[in-house]
Protein backbone atom coordinates (compact mmCIF):
# COMPACT_ATOMS: atom_id res chain seq x y z
CA UNK A 1 5.51 -125.80 43.65
CA UNK A 2 2.53 -123.39 43.78
CA UNK A 3 3.01 -120.17 45.66
CA UNK A 4 0.47 -119.16 48.29
CA UNK A 5 -0.85 -116.38 46.05
CA UNK A 6 -1.59 -118.84 43.25
CA UNK A 7 -3.04 -121.48 45.60
CA UNK A 8 -5.56 -119.17 47.33
CA UNK A 9 -7.88 -118.57 44.31
CA UNK A 10 -7.91 -122.31 43.61
CA UNK A 11 -8.82 -123.09 47.23
CA UNK A 12 -11.60 -120.48 47.18
CA UNK A 13 -13.00 -121.86 43.91
CA UNK A 14 -13.05 -125.41 45.29
CA UNK A 15 -14.79 -124.22 48.48
CA UNK A 16 -17.44 -122.32 46.50
CA UNK A 17 -18.11 -125.33 44.27
CA UNK A 18 -18.46 -127.60 47.32
CA UNK A 19 -20.93 -125.23 48.99
CA UNK A 20 -23.00 -124.87 45.82
CA UNK A 21 -23.09 -128.62 45.32
CA UNK A 22 -24.36 -129.09 48.87
CA UNK A 23 -27.03 -126.41 48.48
CA UNK A 24 -28.24 -127.40 45.03
CA UNK A 25 -28.66 -131.09 45.58
CA UNK A 26 -26.22 -132.76 47.85
CA UNK A 27 -28.58 -135.69 48.43
CA UNK A 28 -30.42 -137.83 45.96
CA UNK A 29 -34.22 -137.46 45.73
CA UNK A 30 -34.71 -141.04 46.93
CA UNK A 31 -32.72 -140.28 50.07
CA UNK A 32 -34.78 -137.14 50.68
CA UNK A 33 -38.03 -139.09 50.52
CA UNK A 34 -36.74 -141.67 52.99
CA UNK A 35 -35.98 -138.96 55.54
CA UNK A 36 -39.54 -137.67 56.07
CA UNK A 37 -39.78 -135.52 59.17
CA UNK A 38 -42.29 -136.45 61.86
CA UNK A 39 -43.90 -133.56 63.73
CA UNK A 40 -46.06 -133.65 66.83
CA UNK A 41 -48.18 -130.78 68.14
CA UNK A 42 -49.80 -130.55 71.58
CA UNK A 43 -52.28 -127.74 72.13
CA UNK A 44 -52.58 -125.58 75.20
CA UNK A 45 -55.80 -125.77 77.22
CA UNK A 46 -57.30 -123.17 74.87
CA UNK A 47 -57.63 -126.02 72.35
CA UNK A 48 -57.15 -125.77 68.60
CA UNK A 49 -60.22 -123.66 67.83
CA UNK A 50 -59.09 -120.71 69.98
CA UNK A 51 -58.59 -118.27 67.05
CA UNK A 52 -55.13 -117.56 68.47
CA UNK A 53 -51.84 -119.38 69.11
CA UNK A 54 -53.17 -122.96 69.11
CA UNK A 55 -55.12 -122.47 65.91
CA UNK A 56 -52.13 -120.83 64.20
CA UNK A 57 -49.88 -123.69 65.28
CA UNK A 58 -52.34 -126.25 63.89
CA UNK A 59 -52.62 -124.36 60.60
CA UNK A 60 -48.82 -124.28 60.40
CA UNK A 61 -48.66 -128.03 60.95
CA UNK A 62 -51.29 -128.62 58.28
CA UNK A 63 -49.38 -126.40 55.85
CA UNK A 64 -46.13 -128.26 56.59
CA UNK A 65 -47.92 -131.54 55.88
CA UNK A 66 -49.23 -130.20 52.59
CA UNK A 67 -46.19 -128.28 51.36
CA UNK A 68 -43.22 -130.00 53.01
CA UNK A 69 -44.78 -133.47 53.11
CA UNK A 70 -44.01 -133.98 56.80
CA UNK A 71 -45.88 -136.55 58.83
CA UNK A 72 -47.84 -134.69 61.49
CA UNK A 73 -50.05 -135.53 64.42
CA UNK A 74 -51.91 -133.01 66.56
CA UNK A 75 -53.17 -133.78 70.07
CA UNK A 76 -55.53 -131.45 71.89
CA UNK A 77 -55.18 -130.77 75.62
CA UNK A 78 -58.37 -130.19 77.58
CA UNK A 79 -56.61 -129.53 80.91
CA UNK A 80 -53.09 -128.71 82.06
CA UNK A 81 -52.84 -132.21 83.49
CA UNK A 82 -53.07 -133.58 79.90
CA UNK A 83 -49.73 -132.10 78.76
CA UNK A 84 -47.40 -134.87 79.88
CA UNK A 85 -49.67 -137.69 78.68
CA UNK A 86 -50.18 -135.95 75.32
CA UNK A 87 -46.46 -135.36 74.83
CA UNK A 88 -45.70 -138.95 75.80
CA UNK A 89 -48.25 -140.23 73.25
CA UNK A 90 -46.36 -138.47 70.48
C-alpha cells in the first residue's frame, strides 16, 4: 500500500495534468463553434455617437464580434422610456 508521502506527489501531478488539459483544449473545436455567445447592447439616451461611454461600449461590441466571433445586436435608446422596450427586444 502507498504511504501518504508517496501518494501526495502523484495526486498533485494528476491534478496539474487535469487543469492543463482543461485550459489547453478541454472542448473540441466543433463544440466551441456551436456555443457562440449572443450579446445585446442598449445605449443610454446619449446614443452611440456620444464620444463617451455609449460609443466605447459599441466599439467593444464590434470588436467582440470581429475577434471573438460573438453574435451582437445594438439598440439605441432615444429616451429613458425606451430602456425596457429595448431590453425586451433583445
